[in-house]
Amino acid sequence: MPIVQITILPQSAEKKAEMSKVITDEIHRITGIRKEAMVILFYELPAENFADGGEMLSEKFKRMQSNE
């Protein structure tokens, strides 16, 4: 049974449902494993828990919003 773990910034239920379907369909297409045997886990973390290039994503988002 494949278990796919996705760590991501918070997303809507609709987006997670779409991602789940696409990922499940592709794993099934590539491996032939039954879709019913797959599990997808979403770990949603706030931007305050991510850093990229030494800068917190929450700070990048604030800067991007102030430039709009």
C-alpha atoms as a PDB file:
ATOM      1  CA  MET A   1       0.000   0.000   0.000  1.00  0.00           C
ATOM      2  CA  PRO A   2       1.666   3.250  -1.090  1.00  0.00           C
ATOM      3  CA  ILE A   3       1.526   6.079   1.418  1.00  0.00           C
ATOM      4  CA  VAL A   4       2.185   9.500  -0.077  1.00  0.00           C
ATOM      5  CA  GLN A   5       2.992  12.253   2.419  1.00  0.00           C
ATOM      6  CA  ILE A   6       2.695  15.867   1.300  1.00  0.00           C
ATOM      7  CA  THR A   7       3.902  18.761   3.430  1.00  0.00           C
ATOM      8  CA  ILE A   8       2.331  21.947   2.149  1.00  0.00           C
ATOM      9  CA  LEU A   9       1.119  25.383   3.096  1.00  0.00           C
ATOM     10  CA  PRO A  10      -2.605  25.361   3.995  1.00  0.00           C
ATOM     11  CA  GLN A  11      -4.861  24.658   1.006  1.00  0.00           C
ATOM     12  CA  SER A  12      -8.605  24.436   0.489  1.00  0.00           C
ATOM     13  CA  ALA A  13     -10.368  21.093   0.698  1.00  0.00           C
ATOM     14  CA  GLU A  14     -11.114  21.361  -3.022  1.00  0.00           C
ATOM     15  CA  LYS A  15      -7.445  21.751  -3.944  1.00  0.00           C
ATOM     16  CA  LYS A  16      -6.421  18.835  -1.715  1.00  0.00           C
ATOM     17  CA  ALA A  17      -9.131  16.672  -3.277  1.00  0.00           C
ATOM     18  CA  GLU A  18      -7.873  17.544  -6.761  1.00  0.00           C
ATOM     19  CA  MET A  19      -4.253  16.846  -5.802  1.00  0.00           C
ATOM     20  CA  SER A  20      -5.284  13.517  -4.259  1.00  0.00           C
ATOM     21  CA  LYS A  21      -7.070  12.436  -7.421  1.00  0.00           C
ATOM     22  CA  VAL A  22      -4.247  13.439  -9.775  1.00  0.00           C
ATOM     23  CA  ILE A  23      -1.538  11.841  -7.628  1.00  0.00           C
ATOM     24  CA  THR A  24      -3.547   8.653  -7.155  1.00  0.00           C
ATOM     25  CA  ASP A  25      -4.332   8.416 -10.872  1.00  0.00           C
ATOM     26  CA  GLU A  26      -0.673   8.891 -11.835  1.00  0.00           C
ATOM     27  CA  ILE A  27       0.676   6.361  -9.344  1.00  0.00           C
ATOM     28  CA  HIS A  28      -1.928   3.881 -10.594  1.00  0.00           C
ATOM     29  CA  ARG A  29      -1.009   4.603 -14.229  1.00  0.00           C
ATOM     30  CA  ILE A  30       2.710   4.167 -13.625  1.00  0.00           C
ATOM     31  CA  THR A  31       2.643   1.208 -11.228  1.00  0.00           C
ATOM     32  CA  GLY A  32      -0.677  -0.510 -11.831  1.00  0.00           C
ATOM     33  CA  ILE A  33      -1.333  -0.519  -8.082  1.00  0.00           C
ATOM     34  CA  ARG A  34      -5.032  -0.389  -7.256  1.00  0.00           C
ATOM     35  CA  LYS A  35      -6.242   3.122  -6.407  1.00  0.00           C
ATOM     36  CA  GLU A  36      -8.082   1.772  -3.365  1.00  0.00           C
ATOM     37  CA  ALA A  37      -4.758   0.642  -1.900  1.00  0.00           C
ATOM     38  CA  MET A  38      -3.274   4.147  -1.829  1.00  0.00           C
ATOM     39  CA  VAL A  39      -3.225   6.609   1.033  1.00  0.00           C
ATOM     40  CA  ILE A  40      -2.377  10.303   0.736  1.00  0.00           C
ATOM     41  CA  LEU A  41      -1.611  12.323   3.847  1.00  0.00           C
ATOM     42  CA  PHE A  42      -1.499  16.113   3.875  1.00  0.00           C
ATOM     43  CA  TYR A  43       0.570  17.869   6.514  1.00  0.00           C
ATOM     44  CA  GLU A  44      -0.361  21.527   6.417  1.00  0.00           C
ATOM     45  CA  LEU A  45       2.062  23.886   8.072  1.00  0.00           C
ATOM     46  CA  PRO A  46       1.733  27.661   8.317  1.00  0.00           C
ATOM     47  CA  ALA A  47       4.175  29.881   6.444  1.00  0.00           C
ATOM     48  CA  GLU A  48       5.780  30.702   9.815  1.00  0.00           C
ATOM     49  CA  ASN A  49       7.137  27.141   9.836  1.00  0.00           C
ATOM     50  CA  PHE A  50       8.920  27.345   6.455  1.00  0.00           C
ATOM     51  CA  ALA A  51      12.108  29.128   5.463  1.00  0.00           C
ATOM     52  CA  ASP A  52      13.596  29.440   2.001  1.00  0.00           C
ATOM     53  CA  GLY A  53      17.058  30.834   1.416  1.00  0.00           C
ATOM     54  CA  GLY A  54      17.287  31.804   5.078  1.00  0.00           C
ATOM     55  CA  GLU A  55      14.094  33.877   4.997  1.00  0.00           C
ATOM     56  CA  MET A  56      10.804  32.869   6.556  1.00  0.00           C
ATOM     57  CA  LEU A  57       8.037  32.416   3.994  1.00  0.00           C
ATOM     58  CA  SER A  58       5.704  34.460   6.160  1.00  0.00           C
ATOM     59  CA  GLU A  59       8.084  37.417   5.770  1.00  0.00           C
ATOM     60  CA  LYS A  60       8.384  36.849   2.000  1.00  0.00           C
ATOM     61  CA  PHE A  61       4.599  36.824   1.696  1.00  0.00           C
ATOM     62  CA  LYS A  62       4.330  40.082   3.664  1.00  0.00           C
ATOM     63  CA  ARG A  63       6.948  41.704   1.434  1.00  0.00           C
ATOM     64  CA  MET A  64       5.213  40.446  -1.746  1.00  0.00           C
ATOM     65  CA  GLN A  65       1.845  41.796  -0.569  1.00  0.00           C
ATOM     66  CA  SER A  66       3.319  45.203   0.243  1.00  0.00           C
ATOM     67  CA  ASN A  67       4.798  45.394  -3.298  1.00  0.00           C
ATOM     68  CA  GLU A  68       1.394  44.812  -4.947  1.00  0.00           C
END
